[in-house]
Amino acid sequence: MTKKFKHSSESAVVLSQLMLPSHSNFGGKIHGGFILSLLDQVAFACASKHSENYCVTASVDRVDFLNPVEVGELLTLKSTVNYVGRTSMVVGVRVEAEHIQDGSKKHCNSSYFTMVAKDENGKSIEVPGLELNSEDDYRRFIKNIKRMENRKKYDEIFSNFTFDKREFQQILKDYNVQMK
């Protein structure tokens, strides 16, 4: 590790790719799996730049496909390191699709990738800290802390969860299920 702290702008990565028919699904829209692959690639590049090491994807926190991506649109993925731990980083990725002919853009996806830096032996390695300068820097960092706290609460609720379907039959009546 050569630098103790880095600003997210030092490792930000932008990837643009024209969407081709070979990227589409049977419905004629760009396949979600293809977009997921691009998301993982740009998160890897961003985390590797920040850590100056090889990185692996540890988890992906929520992937919502907000708008479909069409063949012929220019897809742009913008990634920044939003949070750092000791050996891990959370990379935020925003995806926009641009209609090339008229320049209109639409937000298609925002995702958060937890990436872990590895040394040459595959062991987790410390990463530089994150320099916070702007309101956006602080907001992104704090939002990630809140996401982590919520995930911890969720894990605590379900770590000792005992399930008895009879307890939930009243709740399930409001859902599109058939109970037998």
C-alpha atoms as a PDB file:
ATOM      1  CA  MET A   1       0.000   0.000   0.000  1.00  0.00           C
ATOM      2  CA  THR A   2       1.658   3.174  -1.180  1.00  0.00           C
ATOM      3  CA  LYS A   3      -0.759   5.898  -0.043  1.00  0.00           C
ATOM      4  CA  LYS A   4      -2.516   6.107   3.315  1.00  0.00           C
ATOM      5  CA  PHE A   5      -5.637   7.926   2.054  1.00  0.00           C
ATOM      6  CA  LYS A   6      -7.102   8.459  -1.408  1.00  0.00           C
ATOM      7  CA  HIS A   7      -9.994  10.489  -2.715  1.00  0.00           C
ATOM      8  CA  SER A   8     -12.601   8.566  -4.697  1.00  0.00           C
ATOM      9  CA  SER A   9     -11.802  10.616  -7.808  1.00  0.00           C
ATOM     10  CA  GLU A  10      -8.360   8.969  -7.936  1.00  0.00           C
ATOM     11  CA  SER A  11      -9.893   5.550  -8.569  1.00  0.00           C
ATOM     12  CA  ALA A  12     -13.140   6.431 -10.339  1.00  0.00           C
ATOM     13  CA  VAL A  13     -13.732   4.427 -13.505  1.00  0.00           C
ATOM     14  CA  VAL A  14     -16.144   5.197 -16.327  1.00  0.00           C
ATOM     15  CA  LEU A  15     -16.947   2.511 -18.880  1.00  0.00           C
ATOM     16  CA  SER A  16     -19.051   3.144 -21.982  1.00  0.00           C
ATOM     17  CA  GLN A  17     -20.181   0.483 -24.396  1.00  0.00           C
ATOM     18  CA  LEU A  18     -22.533   0.499 -27.358  1.00  0.00           C
ATOM     19  CA  MET A  19     -25.323  -2.041 -26.891  1.00  0.00           C
ATOM     20  CA  LEU A  20     -25.450  -4.546 -29.736  1.00  0.00           C
ATOM     21  CA  PRO A  21     -28.055  -7.117 -30.814  1.00  0.00           C
ATOM     22  CA  SER A  22     -25.780  -9.850 -29.433  1.00  0.00           C
ATOM     23  CA  HIS A  23     -26.308  -8.340 -25.940  1.00  0.00           C
ATOM     24  CA  SER A  24     -30.101  -8.634 -26.113  1.00  0.00           C
ATOM     25  CA  ASN A  25     -32.484 -11.136 -24.578  1.00  0.00           C
ATOM     26  CA  PHE A  26     -35.478 -12.816 -26.219  1.00  0.00           C
ATOM     27  CA  GLY A  27     -37.587  -9.732 -25.536  1.00  0.00           C
ATOM     28  CA  GLY A  28     -35.264  -7.495 -27.546  1.00  0.00           C
ATOM     29  CA  LYS A  29     -33.915  -5.600 -24.519  1.00  0.00           C
ATOM     30  CA  ILE A  30     -30.345  -5.790 -23.256  1.00  0.00           C
ATOM     31  CA  HIS A  31     -29.947  -8.888 -21.102  1.00  0.00           C
ATOM     32  CA  GLY A  32     -29.707  -8.146 -17.374  1.00  0.00           C
ATOM     33  CA  GLY A  33     -26.922 -10.696 -17.019  1.00  0.00           C
ATOM     34  CA  PHE A  34     -24.826  -8.799 -19.548  1.00  0.00           C
ATOM     35  CA  ILE A  35     -25.305  -5.590 -17.566  1.00  0.00           C
ATOM     36  CA  LEU A  36     -24.383  -7.431 -14.345  1.00  0.00           C
ATOM     37  CA  SER A  37     -21.145  -8.567 -15.961  1.00  0.00           C
ATOM     38  CA  LEU A  38     -20.292  -4.976 -16.920  1.00  0.00           C
ATOM     39  CA  LEU A  39     -21.151  -3.811 -13.397  1.00  0.00           C
ATOM     40  CA  ASP A  40     -18.767  -6.367 -11.912  1.00  0.00           C
ATOM     41  CA  GLN A  41     -15.998  -5.393 -14.332  1.00  0.00           C
ATOM     42  CA  VAL A  42     -16.195  -1.678 -13.576  1.00  0.00           C
ATOM     43  CA  ALA A  43     -16.420  -2.336  -9.803  1.00  0.00           C
ATOM     44  CA  PHE A  44     -13.322  -4.541 -10.062  1.00  0.00           C
ATOM     45  CA  ALA A  45     -11.391  -1.867 -11.970  1.00  0.00           C
ATOM     46  CA  CYS A  46     -12.368   0.865  -9.515  1.00  0.00           C
ATOM     47  CA  ALA A  47     -11.515  -1.194  -6.413  1.00  0.00           C
ATOM     48  CA  SER A  48      -8.238  -2.380  -7.931  1.00  0.00           C
ATOM     49  CA  LYS A  49      -7.226   1.211  -8.698  1.00  0.00           C
ATOM     50  CA  HIS A  50      -8.006   2.290  -5.140  1.00  0.00           C
ATOM     51  CA  SER A  51      -6.276  -0.638  -3.445  1.00  0.00           C
ATOM     52  CA  GLU A  52      -3.506  -1.070  -6.031  1.00  0.00           C
ATOM     53  CA  ASN A  53      -4.137  -4.801  -5.716  1.00  0.00           C
ATOM     54  CA  TYR A  54      -6.203  -7.558  -7.256  1.00  0.00           C
ATOM     55  CA  CYS A  55      -9.758  -7.512  -5.878  1.00  0.00           C
ATOM     56  CA  VAL A  56     -12.584 -10.007  -5.666  1.00  0.00           C
ATOM     57  CA  THR A  57     -16.315  -9.434  -5.418  1.00  0.00           C
ATOM     58  CA  ALA A  58     -17.533 -10.341  -1.924  1.00  0.00           C
ATOM     59  CA  SER A  59     -21.151  -9.262  -2.314  1.00  0.00           C
ATOM     60  CA  VAL A  60     -23.556  -7.186  -4.330  1.00  0.00           C
ATOM     61  CA  ASP A  61     -26.082  -5.127  -2.407  1.00  0.00           C
ATOM     62  CA  ARG A  62     -29.327  -4.729  -4.295  1.00  0.00           C
ATOM     63  CA  VAL A  63     -29.534  -4.600  -8.055  1.00  0.00           C
ATOM     64  CA  ASP A  64     -32.641  -2.863  -9.360  1.00  0.00           C
ATOM     65  CA  PHE A  65     -33.220  -2.601 -13.088  1.00  0.00           C
ATOM     66  CA  LEU A  66     -35.032   0.740 -13.223  1.00  0.00           C
ATOM     67  CA  ASN A  67     -35.384   1.180 -16.988  1.00  0.00           C
ATOM     68  CA  PRO A  68     -34.788  -1.214 -19.889  1.00  0.00           C
ATOM     69  CA  VAL A  69     -31.729  -0.728 -22.068  1.00  0.00           C
ATOM     70  CA  GLU A  70     -32.296  -0.853 -25.811  1.00  0.00           C
ATOM     71  CA  VAL A  71     -30.092  -2.134 -28.619  1.00  0.00           C
ATOM     72  CA  GLY A  72     -28.242   0.848 -30.105  1.00  0.00           C
ATOM     73  CA  GLU A  73     -28.033   2.822 -26.869  1.00  0.00           C
ATOM     74  CA  LEU A  74     -24.709   3.839 -25.347  1.00  0.00           C
ATOM     75  CA  LEU A  75     -24.463   2.357 -21.868  1.00  0.00           C
ATOM     76  CA  THR A  76     -22.239   4.257 -19.427  1.00  0.00           C
ATOM     77  CA  LEU A  77     -21.245   2.871 -16.037  1.00  0.00           C
ATOM     78  CA  LYS A  78     -19.744   5.308 -13.513  1.00  0.00           C
ATOM     79  CA  SER A  79     -18.023   3.840 -10.471  1.00  0.00           C
ATOM     80  CA  THR A  80     -16.547   5.328  -7.309  1.00  0.00           C
ATOM     81  CA  VAL A  81     -15.303   3.972  -4.016  1.00  0.00           C
ATOM     82  CA  ASN A  82     -17.960   5.078  -1.515  1.00  0.00           C
ATOM     83  CA  TYR A  83     -16.687   3.346   1.618  1.00  0.00           C
ATOM     84  CA  VAL A  84     -13.579   1.548   2.823  1.00  0.00           C
ATOM     85  CA  GLY A  85     -13.053  -0.872   5.663  1.00  0.00           C
ATOM     86  CA  ARG A  86      -9.754  -2.489   6.562  1.00  0.00           C
ATOM     87  CA  THR A  87      -9.502  -4.817   3.536  1.00  0.00           C
ATOM     88  CA  SER A  88     -12.764  -4.135   1.753  1.00  0.00           C
ATOM     89  CA  MET A  89     -14.303  -1.326  -0.248  1.00  0.00           C
ATOM     90  CA  VAL A  90     -17.839  -0.576  -1.341  1.00  0.00           C
ATOM     91  CA  VAL A  91     -17.958   0.581  -4.936  1.00  0.00           C
ATOM     92  CA  GLY A  92     -21.057   2.420  -6.067  1.00  0.00           C
ATOM     93  CA  VAL A  93     -21.931   2.057  -9.738  1.00  0.00           C
ATOM     94  CA  ARG A  94     -24.463   4.184 -11.608  1.00  0.00           C
ATOM     95  CA  VAL A  95     -25.651   3.016 -15.026  1.00  0.00           C
ATOM     96  CA  GLU A  96     -27.112   5.348 -17.633  1.00  0.00           C
ATOM     97  CA  ALA A  97     -28.233   4.629 -21.173  1.00  0.00           C
ATOM     98  CA  GLU A  98     -28.012   7.319 -23.821  1.00  0.00           C
ATOM     99  CA  HIS A  99     -30.088   7.413 -26.977  1.00  0.00           C
ATOM    100  CA  ILE A 100     -27.321   8.383 -29.385  1.00  0.00           C
ATOM    101  CA  GLN A 101     -29.495  10.131 -31.980  1.00  0.00           C
ATOM    102  CA  ASP A 102     -31.178  12.624 -29.640  1.00  0.00           C
ATOM    103  CA  GLY A 103     -28.825  12.591 -26.622  1.00  0.00           C
ATOM    104  CA  SER A 104     -31.555  11.729 -24.117  1.00  0.00           C
ATOM    105  CA  LYS A 105     -30.352   9.767 -21.087  1.00  0.00           C
ATOM    106  CA  LYS A 106     -32.065   7.532 -18.569  1.00  0.00           C
ATOM    107  CA  HIS A 107     -30.925   6.126 -15.245  1.00  0.00           C
ATOM    108  CA  CYS A 108     -31.050   2.343 -15.557  1.00  0.00           C
ATOM    109  CA  ASN A 109     -29.378   0.982 -12.452  1.00  0.00           C
ATOM    110  CA  SER A 110     -27.491   1.794  -9.263  1.00  0.00           C
ATOM    111  CA  SER A 111     -25.655  -0.955  -7.421  1.00  0.00           C
ATOM    112  CA  TYR A 112     -23.177  -1.381  -4.591  1.00  0.00           C
ATOM    113  CA  PHE A 113     -20.382  -3.940  -4.801  1.00  0.00           C
ATOM    114  CA  THR A 114     -18.317  -4.982  -1.797  1.00  0.00           C
ATOM    115  CA  MET A 115     -14.846  -5.731  -3.089  1.00  0.00           C
ATOM    116  CA  VAL A 116     -11.963  -7.246  -1.104  1.00  0.00           C
ATOM    117  CA  ALA A 117      -8.307  -6.577  -1.917  1.00  0.00           C
ATOM    118  CA  LYS A 118      -6.043  -9.630  -2.134  1.00  0.00           C
ATOM    119  CA  ASP A 119      -2.275 -10.022  -2.112  1.00  0.00           C
ATOM    120  CA  GLU A 120      -0.308 -12.310  -4.432  1.00  0.00           C
ATOM    121  CA  ASN A 121      -1.081 -15.271  -2.128  1.00  0.00           C
ATOM    122  CA  GLY A 122      -4.815 -14.639  -2.137  1.00  0.00           C
ATOM    123  CA  LYS A 123      -4.902 -13.246   1.405  1.00  0.00           C
ATOM    124  CA  SER A 124      -6.936 -10.156   2.213  1.00  0.00           C
ATOM    125  CA  ILE A 125      -4.760  -7.055   2.359  1.00  0.00           C
ATOM    126  CA  GLU A 126      -5.274  -3.593   3.864  1.00  0.00           C
ATOM    127  CA  VAL A 127      -6.510  -0.836   1.584  1.00  0.00           C
ATOM    128  CA  PRO A 128      -5.910   2.923   1.698  1.00  0.00           C
ATOM    129  CA  GLY A 129      -8.436   4.965   3.641  1.00  0.00           C
ATOM    130  CA  LEU A 130     -10.916   7.248   1.934  1.00  0.00           C
ATOM    131  CA  GLU A 131     -10.482  11.009   1.865  1.00  0.00           C
ATOM    132  CA  LEU A 132     -13.837  12.775   2.308  1.00  0.00           C
ATOM    133  CA  ASN A 133     -13.985  16.317   0.906  1.00  0.00           C
ATOM    134  CA  SER A 134     -17.453  17.075  -0.442  1.00  0.00           C
ATOM    135  CA  GLU A 135     -21.034  16.700   0.742  1.00  0.00           C
ATOM    136  CA  ASP A 136     -21.389  13.830  -1.766  1.00  0.00           C
ATOM    137  CA  ASP A 137     -18.345  12.079  -0.275  1.00  0.00           C
ATOM    138  CA  TYR A 138     -19.795  12.304   3.230  1.00  0.00           C
ATOM    139  CA  ARG A 139     -23.309  11.333   2.084  1.00  0.00           C
ATOM    140  CA  ARG A 140     -22.073   8.236   0.228  1.00  0.00           C
ATOM    141  CA  PHE A 141     -19.910   7.120   3.144  1.00  0.00           C
ATOM    142  CA  ILE A 142     -22.659   7.625   5.761  1.00  0.00           C
ATOM    143  CA  LYS A 143     -25.305   5.954   3.571  1.00  0.00           C
ATOM    144  CA  ASN A 144     -23.055   2.924   3.367  1.00  0.00           C
ATOM    145  CA  ILE A 145     -22.657   2.840   7.154  1.00  0.00           C
ATOM    146  CA  LYS A 146     -26.463   2.893   7.446  1.00  0.00           C
ATOM    147  CA  ARG A 147     -26.791   0.061   4.887  1.00  0.00           C
ATOM    148  CA  MET A 148     -24.286  -1.987   6.901  1.00  0.00           C
ATOM    149  CA  GLU A 149     -26.186  -1.322  10.151  1.00  0.00           C
ATOM    150  CA  ASN A 150     -29.468  -2.391   8.531  1.00  0.00           C
ATOM    151  CA  ARG A 151     -27.877  -5.546   7.129  1.00  0.00           C
ATOM    152  CA  LYS A 152     -26.497  -6.372  10.591  1.00  0.00           C
ATOM    153  CA  LYS A 153     -29.972  -5.928  12.145  1.00  0.00           C
ATOM    154  CA  TYR A 154     -31.474  -8.164   9.453  1.00  0.00           C
ATOM    155  CA  ASP A 155     -28.831 -10.830  10.067  1.00  0.00           C
ATOM    156  CA  GLU A 156     -29.466 -10.678  13.829  1.00  0.00           C
ATOM    157  CA  ILE A 157     -33.224 -11.101  13.344  1.00  0.00           C
ATOM    158  CA  PHE A 158     -32.817 -14.191  11.195  1.00  0.00           C
ATOM    159  CA  SER A 159     -29.765 -15.773  12.827  1.00  0.00           C
ATOM    160  CA  ASN A 160     -31.906 -17.480  15.495  1.00  0.00           C
ATOM    161  CA  PHE A 161     -35.145 -17.501  13.559  1.00  0.00           C
ATOM    162  CA  THR A 162     -37.342 -20.516  14.196  1.00  0.00           C
ATOM    163  CA  PHE A 163     -39.994 -21.202  11.645  1.00  0.00           C
ATOM    164  CA  ASP A 164     -43.425 -22.646  12.278  1.00  0.00           C
ATOM    165  CA  LYS A 165     -45.753 -22.162   9.331  1.00  0.00           C
ATOM    166  CA  ARG A 166     -48.809 -22.035  11.617  1.00  0.00           C
ATOM    167  CA  GLU A 167     -47.525 -18.746  13.056  1.00  0.00           C
ATOM    168  CA  PHE A 168     -47.523 -17.148   9.614  1.00  0.00           C
ATOM    169  CA  GLN A 169     -50.759 -18.456   8.085  1.00  0.00           C
ATOM    170  CA  GLN A 170     -52.677 -15.260   8.877  1.00  0.00           C
ATOM    171  CA  ILE A 171     -49.979 -13.120   7.241  1.00  0.00           C
ATOM    172  CA  LEU A 172     -49.809 -15.379   4.187  1.00  0.00           C
ATOM    173  CA  LYS A 173     -53.532 -14.933   3.480  1.00  0.00           C
ATOM    174  CA  ASP A 174     -52.685 -11.491   2.075  1.00  0.00           C
ATOM    175  CA  TYR A 175     -50.276 -12.963  -0.495  1.00  0.00           C
ATOM    176  CA  ASN A 176     -50.672 -14.772  -3.787  1.00  0.00           C
ATOM    177  CA  VAL A 177     -50.040 -18.242  -2.349  1.00  0.00           C
ATOM    178  CA  GLN A 178     -52.035 -21.399  -1.856  1.00  0.00           C
ATOM    179  CA  MET A 179     -51.511 -23.025   1.526  1.00  0.00           C
ATOM    180  CA  LYS A 180     -51.831 -26.784   1.801  1.00  0.00           C
END
